[in-house]
Each structure stands twice: as structure tokens, then as C-alpha cells.
Amino acid sequence: MNMKLYNAAHSRIHSMAMEALARLEAKLNSVDPTALNKDIVDGIVQDAADLAQFEGALLTMQQYFRPTPAAPAQPPGPSEEPIIVTPEMSPTYKKSIEDKKIKSGAISKRKKKKDE
């Protein structure tokens, strides 16, 4: 899809919608209640219809032709092999292994007592 053409059409429709909104707001804010007539009401109705039409056109363009965002770049994979942590490298890891051994030893002692 030609992105410049899409953006140009989208911008044109958006500007036409903003123009209709500005006309509508100006008419609603400047109307003298004593001077109401059919022409003023017809103008307000026409501006409201124009605004709805242009906003609908924007939504339609976005629904059918919204440009798909480029796929995010994949993070590079690991360049090195993973490091294997040993108890000698990490005192915390060494302590957790010792704690597991103590717990498993206590569990096996309980099982022996139950079997007896």
C-alpha cells in the first residue's frame, strides 16, 4: 500500500471533519435565540451530518486500510552457551544444596522411624 497516499487521504478527511466541527461549534455558540429561523437550524443539521460523514469515513479507512505496524525486531539470541552455576561459584547455591540435604535427611529419618 502506498503510505503517502493513505496518509494524504486520511489527513484530508480529518481536516474536513475538523472544519465541520468548527462550523458546528461556531453556529451553536453564536446563535441569538431571538433570531432562530429555519436556515440556521438547517445549517446546524447540515454541519452535524457532515461531521458524522467525515468521521465515518475516517473509521472506514482505518478499519479496511490501517497500515500494519512493522514487526518488532527479534532480540538477538544468546551468543554464548549458558553458564552452569556450581556450588563453588555461589555460596548461596551451596547453602541451598546443604539445606536440601538436611531436609531430605530429616524426611528419610522420619520414614525409617515409621517403618520400625
PDB file of N, CA and C in Angstrom:
ATOM      1  N   MET A   1       0.847  -1.171   0.000  1.00  0.00           N
ATOM      2  CA  MET A   1       0.000   0.000   0.000  1.00  0.00           C
ATOM      3  C   MET A   1       0.897   1.240   0.000  1.00  0.00           C
ATOM      4  N   ASN A   2       0.459   2.231  -0.730  1.00  0.00           N
ATOM      5  CA  ASN A   2       1.199   3.490  -0.804  1.00  0.00           C
ATOM      6  C   ASN A   2       0.873   4.310   0.450  1.00  0.00           C
ATOM      7  N   MET A   3       1.816   4.365   1.367  1.00  0.00           N
ATOM      8  CA  MET A   3       1.585   5.027   2.656  1.00  0.00           C
ATOM      9  C   MET A   3       1.389   6.535   2.505  1.00  0.00           C
ATOM     10  N   LYS A   4       2.098   7.156   1.572  1.00  0.00           N
ATOM     11  CA  LYS A   4       1.942   8.601   1.389  1.00  0.00           C
ATOM     12  C   LYS A   4       0.529   8.926   0.915  1.00  0.00           C
ATOM     13  N   LEU A   5       0.012   8.116   0.009  1.00  0.00           N
ATOM     14  CA  LEU A   5      -1.336   8.329  -0.489  1.00  0.00           C
ATOM     15  C   LEU A   5      -2.370   8.098   0.622  1.00  0.00           C
ATOM     16  N   TYR A   6      -2.177   7.049   1.393  1.00  0.00           N
ATOM     17  CA  TYR A   6      -3.081   6.769   2.520  1.00  0.00           C
ATOM     18  C   TYR A   6      -3.057   7.926   3.503  1.00  0.00           C
ATOM     19  N   ASN A   7      -1.864   8.383   3.880  1.00  0.00           N
ATOM     20  CA  ASN A   7      -1.745   9.475   4.850  1.00  0.00           C
ATOM     21  C   ASN A   7      -2.355  10.767   4.318  1.00  0.00           C
ATOM     22  N   ALA A   8      -2.191  11.025   3.017  1.00  0.00           N
ATOM     23  CA  ALA A   8      -2.769  12.237   2.423  1.00  0.00           C
ATOM     24  C   ALA A   8      -4.291  12.189   2.486  1.00  0.00           C
ATOM     25  N   ALA A   9      -4.875  11.048   2.120  1.00  0.00           N
ATOM     26  CA  ALA A   9      -6.333  10.914   2.151  1.00  0.00           C
ATOM     27  C   ALA A   9      -6.852  11.007   3.584  1.00  0.00           C
ATOM     28  N   HIS A  10      -6.155  10.348   4.502  1.00  0.00           N
ATOM     29  CA  HIS A  10      -6.548  10.381   5.912  1.00  0.00           C
ATOM     30  C   HIS A  10      -6.494  11.812   6.441  1.00  0.00           C
ATOM     31  N   SER A  11      -5.440  12.531   6.119  1.00  0.00           N
ATOM     32  CA  SER A  11      -5.296  13.911   6.587  1.00  0.00           C
ATOM     33  C   SER A  11      -6.377  14.810   6.001  1.00  0.00           C
ATOM     34  N   ARG A  12      -6.701  14.613   4.715  1.00  0.00           N
ATOM     35  CA  ARG A  12      -7.728  15.435   4.073  1.00  0.00           C
ATOM     36  C   ARG A  12      -9.081  15.205   4.744  1.00  0.00           C
ATOM     37  N   ILE A  13      -9.436  13.952   4.957  1.00  0.00           N
ATOM     38  CA  ILE A  13     -10.730  13.659   5.594  1.00  0.00           C
ATOM     39  C   ILE A  13     -10.752  14.198   7.022  1.00  0.00           C
ATOM     40  N   HIS A  14      -9.644  14.064   7.721  1.00  0.00           N
ATOM     41  CA  HIS A  14      -9.562  14.562   9.096  1.00  0.00           C
ATOM     42  C   HIS A  14      -9.744  16.078   9.120  1.00  0.00           C
ATOM     43  N   SER A  15      -9.110  16.778   8.189  1.00  0.00           N
ATOM     44  CA  SER A  15      -9.243  18.237   8.168  1.00  0.00           C
ATOM     45  C   SER A  15     -10.672  18.650   7.831  1.00  0.00           C
ATOM     46  N   MET A  16     -11.345  17.904   6.954  1.00  0.00           N
ATOM     47  CA  MET A  16     -12.732  18.217   6.611  1.00  0.00           C
ATOM     48  C   MET A  16     -13.641  17.986   7.827  1.00  0.00           C
ATOM     49  N   ALA A  17     -13.356  16.952   8.608  1.00  0.00           N
ATOM     50  CA  ALA A  17     -14.130  16.691   9.827  1.00  0.00           C
ATOM     51  C   ALA A  17     -13.914  17.817  10.835  1.00  0.00           C
ATOM     52  N   MET A  18     -12.674  18.267  10.985  1.00  0.00           N
ATOM     53  CA  MET A  18     -12.388  19.355  11.923  1.00  0.00           C
ATOM     54  C   MET A  18     -13.050  20.656  11.469  1.00  0.00           C
ATOM     55  N   GLU A  19     -13.093  20.875  10.168  1.00  0.00           N
ATOM     56  CA  GLU A  19     -13.764  22.069   9.640  1.00  0.00           C
ATOM     57  C   GLU A  19     -15.261  22.021   9.933  1.00  0.00           C
ATOM     58  N   ALA A  20     -15.886  20.870   9.724  1.00  0.00           N
ATOM     59  CA  ALA A  20     -17.316  20.724  10.021  1.00  0.00           C
ATOM     60  C   ALA A  20     -17.576  20.923  11.509  1.00  0.00           C
ATOM     61  N   LEU A  21     -16.694  20.411  12.354  1.00  0.00           N
ATOM     62  CA  LEU A  21     -16.839  20.588  13.798  1.00  0.00           C
ATOM     63  C   LEU A  21     -16.728  22.061  14.176  1.00  0.00           C
ATOM     64  N   ALA A  22     -15.773  22.765  13.583  1.00  0.00           N
ATOM     65  CA  ALA A  22     -15.591  24.186  13.889  1.00  0.00           C
ATOM     66  C   ALA A  22     -16.818  24.996  13.455  1.00  0.00           C
ATOM     67  N   ARG A  23     -17.356  24.691  12.278  1.00  0.00           N
ATOM     68  CA  ARG A  23     -18.560  25.395  11.818  1.00  0.00           C
ATOM     69  C   ARG A  23     -19.726  25.135  12.764  1.00  0.00           C
ATOM     70  N   LEU A  24     -19.878  23.877  13.164  1.00  0.00           N
ATOM     71  CA  LEU A  24     -20.970  23.495  14.055  1.00  0.00           C
ATOM     72  C   LEU A  24     -20.851  24.212  15.401  1.00  0.00           C
ATOM     73  N   GLU A  25     -19.645  24.198  15.977  1.00  0.00           N
ATOM     74  CA  GLU A  25     -19.432  24.880  17.257  1.00  0.00           C
ATOM     75  C   GLU A  25     -19.679  26.380  17.131  1.00  0.00           C
ATOM     76  N   ALA A  26     -19.199  26.972  16.043  1.00  0.00           N
ATOM     77  CA  ALA A  26     -19.386  28.412  15.857  1.00  0.00           C
ATOM     78  C   ALA A  26     -20.865  28.759  15.765  1.00  0.00           C
ATOM     79  N   LYS A  27     -21.619  27.963  15.012  1.00  0.00           N
ATOM     80  CA  LYS A  27     -23.051  28.248  14.878  1.00  0.00           C
ATOM     81  C   LYS A  27     -23.781  28.065  16.206  1.00  0.00           C
ATOM     82  N   LEU A  28     -23.433  27.004  16.938  1.00  0.00           N
ATOM     83  CA  LEU A  28     -24.124  26.749  18.209  1.00  0.00           C
ATOM     84  C   LEU A  28     -23.785  27.793  19.268  1.00  0.00           C
ATOM     85  N   ASN A  29     -22.560  28.333  19.211  1.00  0.00           N
ATOM     86  CA  ASN A  29     -22.143  29.303  20.224  1.00  0.00           C
ATOM     87  C   ASN A  29     -22.555  30.735  19.891  1.00  0.00           C
ATOM     88  N   SER A  30     -22.848  31.014  18.621  1.00  0.00           N
ATOM     89  CA  SER A  30     -23.125  32.400  18.261  1.00  0.00           C
ATOM     90  C   SER A  30     -24.576  32.662  17.878  1.00  0.00           C
ATOM     91  N   VAL A  31     -25.417  31.674  18.020  1.00  0.00           N
ATOM     92  CA  VAL A  31     -26.820  31.861  17.625  1.00  0.00           C
ATOM     93  C   VAL A  31     -27.549  32.696  18.666  1.00  0.00           C
ATOM     94  N   ASP A  32     -28.216  33.704  18.166  1.00  0.00           N
ATOM     95  CA  ASP A  32     -29.056  34.540  19.020  1.00  0.00           C
ATOM     96  C   ASP A  32     -30.414  33.848  19.114  1.00  0.00           C
ATOM     97  N   PRO A  33     -30.840  33.461  20.321  1.00  0.00           N
ATOM     98  CA  PRO A  33     -32.105  32.720  20.459  1.00  0.00           C
ATOM     99  C   PRO A  33     -33.311  33.463  19.884  1.00  0.00           C
ATOM    100  N   THR A  34     -33.228  34.774  19.830  1.00  0.00           N
ATOM    101  CA  THR A  34     -34.368  35.530  19.299  1.00  0.00           C
ATOM    102  C   THR A  34     -34.379  35.535  17.778  1.00  0.00           C
ATOM    103  N   ALA A  35     -33.228  35.173  17.175  1.00  0.00           N
ATOM    104  CA  ALA A  35     -33.130  35.220  15.714  1.00  0.00           C
ATOM    105  C   ALA A  35     -33.185  33.833  15.090  1.00  0.00           C
ATOM    106  N   LEU A  36     -33.671  32.839  15.808  1.00  0.00           N
ATOM    107  CA  LEU A  36     -33.738  31.482  15.260  1.00  0.00           C
ATOM    108  C   LEU A  36     -34.679  31.437  14.077  1.00  0.00           C
ATOM    109  N   ASN A  37     -34.210  30.782  13.016  1.00  0.00           N
ATOM    110  CA  ASN A  37     -35.080  30.560  11.877  1.00  0.00           C
ATOM    111  C   ASN A  37     -34.694  29.231  11.238  1.00  0.00           C
ATOM    112  N   LYS A  38     -35.427  28.859  10.232  1.00  0.00           N
ATOM    113  CA  LYS A  38     -35.235  27.557   9.592  1.00  0.00           C
ATOM    114  C   LYS A  38     -33.848  27.437   8.970  1.00  0.00           C
ATOM    115  N   ASP A  39     -33.314  28.498   8.414  1.00  0.00           N
ATOM    116  CA  ASP A  39     -31.998  28.448   7.767  1.00  0.00           C
ATOM    117  C   ASP A  39     -30.881  28.148   8.768  1.00  0.00           C
ATOM    118  N   ILE A  40     -30.975  28.714   9.961  1.00  0.00           N
ATOM    119  CA  ILE A  40     -29.948  28.465  10.984  1.00  0.00           C
ATOM    120  C   ILE A  40     -29.994  27.007  11.425  1.00  0.00           C
ATOM    121  N   VAL A  41     -31.189  26.500  11.677  1.00  0.00           N
ATOM    122  CA  VAL A  41     -31.333  25.104  12.097  1.00  0.00           C
ATOM    123  C   VAL A  41     -30.864  24.170  10.986  1.00  0.00           C
ATOM    124  N   ASP A  42     -31.235  24.474   9.740  1.00  0.00           N
ATOM    125  CA  ASP A  42     -30.789  23.644   8.614  1.00  0.00           C
ATOM    126  C   ASP A  42     -29.258  23.639   8.505  1.00  0.00           C
ATOM    127  N   GLY A  43     -28.627  24.761   8.743  1.00  0.00           N
ATOM    128  CA  GLY A  43     -27.157  24.833   8.692  1.00  0.00           C
ATOM    129  C   GLY A  43     -26.510  23.991   9.783  1.00  0.00           C
ATOM    130  N   ILE A  44     -27.078  24.025  10.980  1.00  0.00           N
ATOM    131  CA  ILE A  44     -26.563  23.224  12.095  1.00  0.00           C
ATOM    132  C   ILE A  44     -26.723  21.737  11.787  1.00  0.00           C
ATOM    133  N   VAL A  45     -27.883  21.379  11.268  1.00  0.00           N
ATOM    134  CA  VAL A  45     -28.131  19.976  10.916  1.00  0.00           C
ATOM    135  C   VAL A  45     -27.158  19.520   9.829  1.00  0.00           C
ATOM    136  N   GLN A  46     -26.935  20.362   8.813  1.00  0.00           N
ATOM    137  CA  GLN A  46     -26.018  20.003   7.731  1.00  0.00           C
ATOM    138  C   GLN A  46     -24.587  19.838   8.246  1.00  0.00           C
ATOM    139  N   ASP A  47     -24.148  20.738   9.123  1.00  0.00           N
ATOM    140  CA  ASP A  47     -22.797  20.628   9.677  1.00  0.00           C
ATOM    141  C   ASP A  47     -22.649  19.375  10.531  1.00  0.00           C
ATOM    142  N   ALA A  48     -23.684  19.030  11.293  1.00  0.00           N
ATOM    143  CA  ALA A  48     -23.650  17.807  12.106  1.00  0.00           C
ATOM    144  C   ALA A  48     -23.593  16.576  11.204  1.00  0.00           C
ATOM    145  N   ALA A  49     -24.348  16.590  10.117  1.00  0.00           N
ATOM    146  CA  ALA A  49     -24.320  15.462   9.174  1.00  0.00           C
ATOM    147  C   ALA A  49     -22.952  15.354   8.494  1.00  0.00           C
ATOM    148  N   ASP A  50     -22.366  16.485   8.124  1.00  0.00           N
ATOM    149  CA  ASP A  50     -21.033  16.470   7.510  1.00  0.00           C
ATOM    150  C   ASP A  50     -20.004  15.883   8.475  1.00  0.00           C
ATOM    151  N   LEU A  51     -20.077  16.328   9.721  1.00  0.00           N
ATOM    152  CA  LEU A  51     -19.143  15.820  10.730  1.00  0.00           C
ATOM    153  C   LEU A  51     -19.280  14.310  10.876  1.00  0.00           C
ATOM    154  N   ALA A  52     -20.495  13.822  10.971  1.00  0.00           N
ATOM    155  CA  ALA A  52     -20.723  12.377  11.112  1.00  0.00           C
ATOM    156  C   ALA A  52     -20.206  11.628   9.883  1.00  0.00           C
ATOM    157  N   GLN A  53     -20.432  12.191   8.689  1.00  0.00           N
ATOM    158  CA  GLN A  53     -19.980  11.542   7.458  1.00  0.00           C
ATOM    159  C   GLN A  53     -18.457  11.453   7.415  1.00  0.00           C
ATOM    160  N   PHE A  54     -17.768  12.529   7.748  1.00  0.00           N
ATOM    161  CA  PHE A  54     -16.303  12.522   7.675  1.00  0.00           C
ATOM    162  C   PHE A  54     -15.695  11.630   8.761  1.00  0.00           C
ATOM    163  N   GLU A  55     -16.286  11.650   9.951  1.00  0.00           N
ATOM    164  CA  GLU A  55     -15.790  10.749  10.992  1.00  0.00           C
ATOM    165  C   GLU A  55     -16.016   9.297  10.605  1.00  0.00           C
ATOM    166  N   GLY A  56     -17.140   9.008   9.985  1.00  0.00           N
ATOM    167  CA  GLY A  56     -17.392   7.651   9.496  1.00  0.00           C
ATOM    168  C   GLY A  56     -16.398   7.246   8.425  1.00  0.00           C
ATOM    169  N   ALA A  57     -16.052   8.189   7.554  1.00  0.00           N
ATOM    170  CA  ALA A  57     -15.069   7.892   6.507  1.00  0.00           C
ATOM    171  C   ALA A  57     -13.701   7.589   7.119  1.00  0.00           C
ATOM    172  N   LEU A  58     -13.342   8.322   8.151  1.00  0.00           N
ATOM    173  CA  LEU A  58     -12.067   8.046   8.832  1.00  0.00           C
ATOM    174  C   LEU A  58     -12.055   6.657   9.435  1.00  0.00           C
ATOM    175  N   LEU A  59     -13.135   6.310  10.114  1.00  0.00           N
ATOM    176  CA  LEU A  59     -13.210   4.983  10.735  1.00  0.00           C
ATOM    177  C   LEU A  59     -13.171   3.880   9.678  1.00  0.00           C
ATOM    178  N   THR A  60     -13.843   4.101   8.565  1.00  0.00           N
ATOM    179  CA  THR A  60     -13.844   3.105   7.494  1.00  0.00           C
ATOM    180  C   THR A  60     -12.444   2.914   6.931  1.00  0.00           C
ATOM    181  N   MET A  61     -11.744   4.015   6.689  1.00  0.00           N
ATOM    182  CA  MET A  61     -10.369   3.897   6.180  1.00  0.00           C
ATOM    183  C   MET A  61      -9.484   3.141   7.160  1.00  0.00           C
ATOM    184  N   GLN A  62      -9.630   3.460   8.436  1.00  0.00           N
ATOM    185  CA  GLN A  62      -8.809   2.783   9.436  1.00  0.00           C
ATOM    186  C   GLN A  62      -9.161   1.309   9.523  1.00  0.00           C
ATOM    187  N   GLN A  63     -10.435   0.992   9.403  1.00  0.00           N
ATOM    188  CA  GLN A  63     -10.860  -0.404   9.519  1.00  0.00           C
ATOM    189  C   GLN A  63     -10.344  -1.245   8.359  1.00  0.00           C
ATOM    190  N   TYR A  64     -10.442  -0.728   7.158  1.00  0.00           N
ATOM    191  CA  TYR A  64     -10.086  -1.527   5.992  1.00  0.00           C
ATOM    192  C   TYR A  64      -8.642  -1.364   5.542  1.00  0.00           C
ATOM    193  N   PHE A  65      -8.052  -0.216   5.803  1.00  0.00           N
ATOM    194  CA  PHE A  65      -6.734   0.051   5.223  1.00  0.00           C
ATOM    195  C   PHE A  65      -5.687   0.476   6.236  1.00  0.00           C
ATOM    196  N   ARG A  66      -5.921   0.280   7.508  1.00  0.00           N
ATOM    197  CA  ARG A  66      -4.937   0.701   8.508  1.00  0.00           C
ATOM    198  C   ARG A  66      -3.613   0.018   8.224  1.00  0.00           C
ATOM    199  N   PRO A  67      -2.558   0.800   8.142  1.00  0.00           N
ATOM    200  CA  PRO A  67      -1.257   0.182   7.890  1.00  0.00           C
ATOM    201  C   PRO A  67      -0.854  -0.707   9.062  1.00  0.00           C
ATOM    202  N   THR A  68      -0.339  -1.853   8.742  1.00  0.00           N
ATOM    203  CA  THR A  68       0.109  -2.763   9.795  1.00  0.00           C
ATOM    204  C   THR A  68       1.481  -2.305  10.276  1.00  0.00           C
ATOM    205  N   PRO A  69       1.671  -2.264  11.574  1.00  0.00           N
ATOM    206  CA  PRO A  69       2.973  -1.842  12.084  1.00  0.00           C
ATOM    207  C   PRO A  69       4.039  -2.867  11.725  1.00  0.00           C
ATOM    208  N   ALA A  70       5.236  -2.369  11.552  1.00  0.00           N
ATOM    209  CA  ALA A  70       6.348  -3.261  11.242  1.00  0.00           C
ATOM    210  C   ALA A  70       6.568  -4.210  12.414  1.00  0.00           C
ATOM    211  N   ALA A  71       6.935  -5.420  12.096  1.00  0.00           N
ATOM    212  CA  ALA A  71       7.187  -6.418  13.142  1.00  0.00           C
ATOM    213  C   ALA A  71       8.368  -5.961  13.993  1.00  0.00           C
ATOM    214  N   PRO A  72       8.237  -6.090  15.298  1.00  0.00           N
ATOM    215  CA  PRO A  72       9.356  -5.678  16.150  1.00  0.00           C
ATOM    216  C   PRO A  72      10.565  -6.566  15.895  1.00  0.00           C
ATOM    217  N   ALA A  73      11.707  -5.959  15.995  1.00  0.00           N
ATOM    218  CA  ALA A  73      12.943  -6.706  15.771  1.00  0.00           C
ATOM    219  C   ALA A  73      13.097  -7.767  16.857  1.00  0.00           C
ATOM    220  N   GLN A  74      13.472  -8.939  16.447  1.00  0.00           N
ATOM    221  CA  GLN A  74      13.672 -10.028  17.398  1.00  0.00           C
ATOM    222  C   GLN A  74      14.942  -9.757  18.200  1.00  0.00           C
ATOM    223  N   PRO A  75      14.874  -9.959  19.493  1.00  0.00           N
ATOM    224  CA  PRO A  75      16.096  -9.775  20.274  1.00  0.00           C
ATOM    225  C   PRO A  75      17.109 -10.842  19.870  1.00  0.00           C
ATOM    226  N   PRO A  76      18.352 -10.475  19.853  1.00  0.00           N
ATOM    227  CA  PRO A  76      19.357 -11.460  19.450  1.00  0.00           C
ATOM    228  C   PRO A  76      19.376 -12.624  20.431  1.00  0.00           C
ATOM    229  N   GLY A  77      19.592 -13.801  19.903  1.00  0.00           N
ATOM    230  CA  GLY A  77      19.660 -14.993  20.739  1.00  0.00           C
ATOM    231  C   GLY A  77      20.935 -14.983  21.559  1.00  0.00           C
ATOM    232  N   PRO A  78      21.018 -15.892  22.493  1.00  0.00           N
ATOM    233  CA  PRO A  78      22.234 -15.933  23.313  1.00  0.00           C
ATOM    234  C   PRO A  78      23.444 -16.251  22.432  1.00  0.00           C
ATOM    235  N   SER A  79      24.465 -15.436  22.590  1.00  0.00           N
ATOM    236  CA  SER A  79      25.652 -15.629  21.768  1.00  0.00           C
ATOM    237  C   SER A  79      26.605 -16.647  22.397  1.00  0.00           C
ATOM    238  N   GLU A  80      26.428 -16.864  23.673  1.00  0.00           N
ATOM    239  CA  GLU A  80      27.293 -17.814  24.366  1.00  0.00           C
ATOM    240  C   GLU A  80      26.439 -18.920  24.970  1.00  0.00           C
ATOM    241  N   GLU A  81      27.087 -19.999  25.317  1.00  0.00           N
ATOM    242  CA  GLU A  81      26.376 -21.078  25.988  1.00  0.00           C
ATOM    243  C   GLU A  81      26.038 -20.623  27.399  1.00  0.00           C
ATOM    244  N   PRO A  82      24.938 -21.113  27.950  1.00  0.00           N
ATOM    245  CA  PRO A  82      24.581 -20.689  29.301  1.00  0.00           C
ATOM    246  C   PRO A  82      25.640 -21.108  30.320  1.00  0.00           C
ATOM    247  N   ILE A  83      25.785 -20.283  31.323  1.00  0.00           N
ATOM    248  CA  ILE A  83      26.754 -20.570  32.379  1.00  0.00           C
ATOM    249  C   ILE A  83      26.121 -21.538  33.371  1.00  0.00           C
ATOM    250  N   ILE A  84      26.833 -22.569  33.690  1.00  0.00           N
ATOM    251  CA  ILE A  84      26.358 -23.536  34.680  1.00  0.00           C
ATOM    252  C   ILE A  84      26.940 -23.139  36.020  1.00  0.00           C
ATOM    253  N   VAL A  85      26.063 -22.839  36.958  1.00  0.00           N
ATOM    254  CA  VAL A  85      26.499 -22.401  38.279  1.00  0.00           C
ATOM    255  C   VAL A  85      26.779 -23.630  39.138  1.00  0.00           C
ATOM    256  N   THR A  86      27.933 -23.626  39.762  1.00  0.00           N
ATOM    257  CA  THR A  86      28.321 -24.718  40.655  1.00  0.00           C
ATOM    258  C   THR A  86      28.365 -24.198  42.087  1.00  0.00           C
ATOM    259  N   PRO A  87      28.325 -25.082  43.061  1.00  0.00           N
ATOM    260  CA  PRO A  87      28.389 -24.629  44.464  1.00  0.00           C
ATOM    261  C   PRO A  87      29.669 -23.850  44.775  1.00  0.00           C
ATOM    262  N   GLU A  88      30.731 -24.147  44.052  1.00  0.00           N
ATOM    263  CA  GLU A  88      31.978 -23.417  44.299  1.00  0.00           C
ATOM    264  C   GLU A  88      31.882 -21.976  43.823  1.00  0.00           C
ATOM    265  N   MET A  89      31.034 -21.731  42.846  1.00  0.00           N
ATOM    266  CA  MET A  89      30.900 -20.385  42.285  1.00  0.00           C
ATOM    267  C   MET A  89      29.958 -19.512  43.109  1.00  0.00           C
ATOM    268  N   SER A  90      29.004 -20.129  43.807  1.00  0.00           N
ATOM    269  CA  SER A  90      27.991 -19.361  44.511  1.00  0.00           C
ATOM    270  C   SER A  90      27.781 -19.907  45.913  1.00  0.00           C
ATOM    271  N   PRO A  91      28.139 -19.116  46.917  1.00  0.00           N
ATOM    272  CA  PRO A  91      27.924 -19.566  48.286  1.00  0.00           C
ATOM    273  C   PRO A  91      26.435 -19.744  48.614  1.00  0.00           C
ATOM    274  N   THR A  92      25.582 -18.942  48.014  1.00  0.00           N
ATOM    275  CA  THR A  92      24.143 -19.068  48.252  1.00  0.00           C
ATOM    276  C   THR A  92      23.635 -20.392  47.706  1.00  0.00           C
ATOM    277  N   TYR A  93      24.075 -20.734  46.503  1.00  0.00           N
ATOM    278  CA  TYR A  93      23.676 -22.003  45.896  1.00  0.00           C
ATOM    279  C   TYR A  93      24.177 -23.172  46.744  1.00  0.00           C
ATOM    280  N   LYS A  94      25.408 -23.067  47.248  1.00  0.00           N
ATOM    281  CA  LYS A  94      25.992 -24.113  48.070  1.00  0.00           C
ATOM    282  C   LYS A  94      25.157 -24.303  49.340  1.00  0.00           C
ATOM    283  N   LYS A  95      24.735 -23.195  49.964  1.00  0.00           N
ATOM    284  CA  LYS A  95      23.929 -23.283  51.177  1.00  0.00           C
ATOM    285  C   LYS A  95      22.570 -23.907  50.888  1.00  0.00           C
ATOM    286  N   SER A  96      21.960 -23.554  49.732  1.00  0.00           N
ATOM    287  CA  SER A  96      20.652 -24.121  49.416  1.00  0.00           C
ATOM    288  C   SER A  96      20.746 -25.627  49.196  1.00  0.00           C
ATOM    289  N   ILE A  97      21.842 -26.087  48.612  1.00  0.00           N
ATOM    290  CA  ILE A  97      22.033 -27.535  48.420  1.00  0.00           C
ATOM    291  C   ILE A  97      22.179 -28.219  49.771  1.00  0.00           C
ATOM    292  N   GLU A  98      22.946 -27.606  50.673  1.00  0.00           N
ATOM    293  CA  GLU A  98      23.123 -28.182  52.010  1.00  0.00           C
ATOM    294  C   GLU A  98      21.786 -28.230  52.757  1.00  0.00           C
ATOM    295  N   ASP A  99      20.981 -27.162  52.627  1.00  0.00           N
ATOM    296  CA  ASP A  99      19.667 -27.148  53.280  1.00  0.00           C
ATOM    297  C   ASP A  99      18.781 -28.255  52.731  1.00  0.00           C
ATOM    298  N   LYS A 100      18.829 -28.486  51.425  1.00  0.00           N
ATOM    299  CA  LYS A 100      18.029 -29.557  50.823  1.00  0.00           C
ATOM    300  C   LYS A 100      18.471 -30.925  51.344  1.00  0.00           C
ATOM    301  N   LYS A 101      19.770 -31.089  51.492  1.00  0.00           N
ATOM    302  CA  LYS A 101      20.284 -32.361  52.001  1.00  0.00           C
ATOM    303  C   LYS A 101      19.809 -32.583  53.427  1.00  0.00           C
ATOM    304  N   ILE A 102      19.843 -31.534  54.230  1.00  0.00           N
ATOM    305  CA  ILE A 102      19.408 -31.646  55.623  1.00  0.00           C
ATOM    306  C   ILE A 102      17.929 -32.005  55.674  1.00  0.00           C
ATOM    307  N   LYS A 103      17.123 -31.326  54.857  1.00  0.00           N
ATOM    308  CA  LYS A 103      15.679 -31.610  54.844  1.00  0.00           C
ATOM    309  C   LYS A 103      15.401 -33.019  54.355  1.00  0.00           C
ATOM    310  N   SER A 104      16.083 -33.447  53.314  1.00  0.00           N
ATOM    311  CA  SER A 104      15.835 -34.794  52.797  1.00  0.00           C
ATOM    312  C   SER A 104      16.313 -35.848  53.796  1.00  0.00           C
ATOM    313  N   GLY A 105      17.385 -35.548  54.526  1.00  0.00           N
ATOM    314  CA  GLY A 105      17.849 -36.470  55.565  1.00  0.00           C
ATOM    315  C   GLY A 105      16.855 -36.573  56.699  1.00  0.00           C
ATOM    316  N   ALA A 106      16.259 -35.468  57.081  1.00  0.00           N
ATOM    317  CA  ALA A 106      15.260 -35.474  58.145  1.00  0.00           C
ATOM    318  C   ALA A 106      14.017 -36.237  57.710  1.00  0.00           C
ATOM    319  N   ILE A 107      13.656 -36.092  56.459  1.00  0.00           N
ATOM    320  CA  ILE A 107      12.485 -36.812  55.953  1.00  0.00           C
ATOM    321  C   ILE A 107      12.745 -38.301  55.920  1.00  0.00           C
ATOM    322  N   SER A 108      13.922 -38.686  55.467  1.00  0.00           N
ATOM    323  CA  SER A 108      14.220 -40.120  55.405  1.00  0.00           C
ATOM    324  C   SER A 108      14.317 -40.716  56.807  1.00  0.00           C
ATOM    325  N   LYS A 109      14.770 -39.951  57.816  1.00  0.00           N
ATOM    326  CA  LYS A 109      14.819 -40.439  59.188  1.00  0.00           C
ATOM    327  C   LYS A 109      13.405 -40.660  59.709  1.00  0.00           C
ATOM    328  N   ARG A 110      12.474 -39.766  59.361  1.00  0.00           N
ATOM    329  CA  ARG A 110      11.088 -39.916  59.800  1.00  0.00           C
ATOM    330  C   ARG A 110      10.475 -41.170  59.191  1.00  0.00           C
ATOM    331  N   LYS A 111      10.799 -41.436  57.926  1.00  0.00           N
ATOM    332  CA  LYS A 111      10.257 -42.599  57.264  1.00  0.00           C
ATOM    333  C   LYS A 111      10.785 -43.884  57.924  1.00  0.00           C
ATOM    334  N   LYS A 112      12.054 -43.879  58.293  1.00  0.00           N
ATOM    335  CA  LYS A 112      12.638 -45.053  58.953  1.00  0.00           C
ATOM    336  C   LYS A 112      11.959 -45.314  60.289  1.00  0.00           C
ATOM    337  N   LYS A 113      11.679 -44.244  61.049  1.00  0.00           N
ATOM    338  CA  LYS A 113      11.026 -44.388  62.349  1.00  0.00           C
ATOM    339  C   LYS A 113       9.608 -44.950  62.187  1.00  0.00           C
ATOM    340  N   LYS A 114       8.900 -44.524  61.138  1.00  0.00           N
ATOM    341  CA  LYS A 114       7.558 -45.012  60.918  1.00  0.00           C
ATOM    342  C   LYS A 114       7.585 -46.486  60.547  1.00  0.00           C
ATOM    343  N   ASP A 115       8.571 -46.886  59.780  1.00  0.00           N
ATOM    344  CA  ASP A 115       8.671 -48.291  59.323  1.00  0.00           C
ATOM    345  C   ASP A 115       8.999 -49.213  60.494  1.00  0.00           C
ATOM    346  N   GLU A 116       9.634 -48.717  61.490  1.00  0.00           N
ATOM    347  CA  GLU A 116      10.051 -49.578  62.619  1.00  0.00           C
ATOM    348  C   GLU A 116       8.956 -49.911  63.526  1.00  0.00           C
TER     349      GLU A 116
END
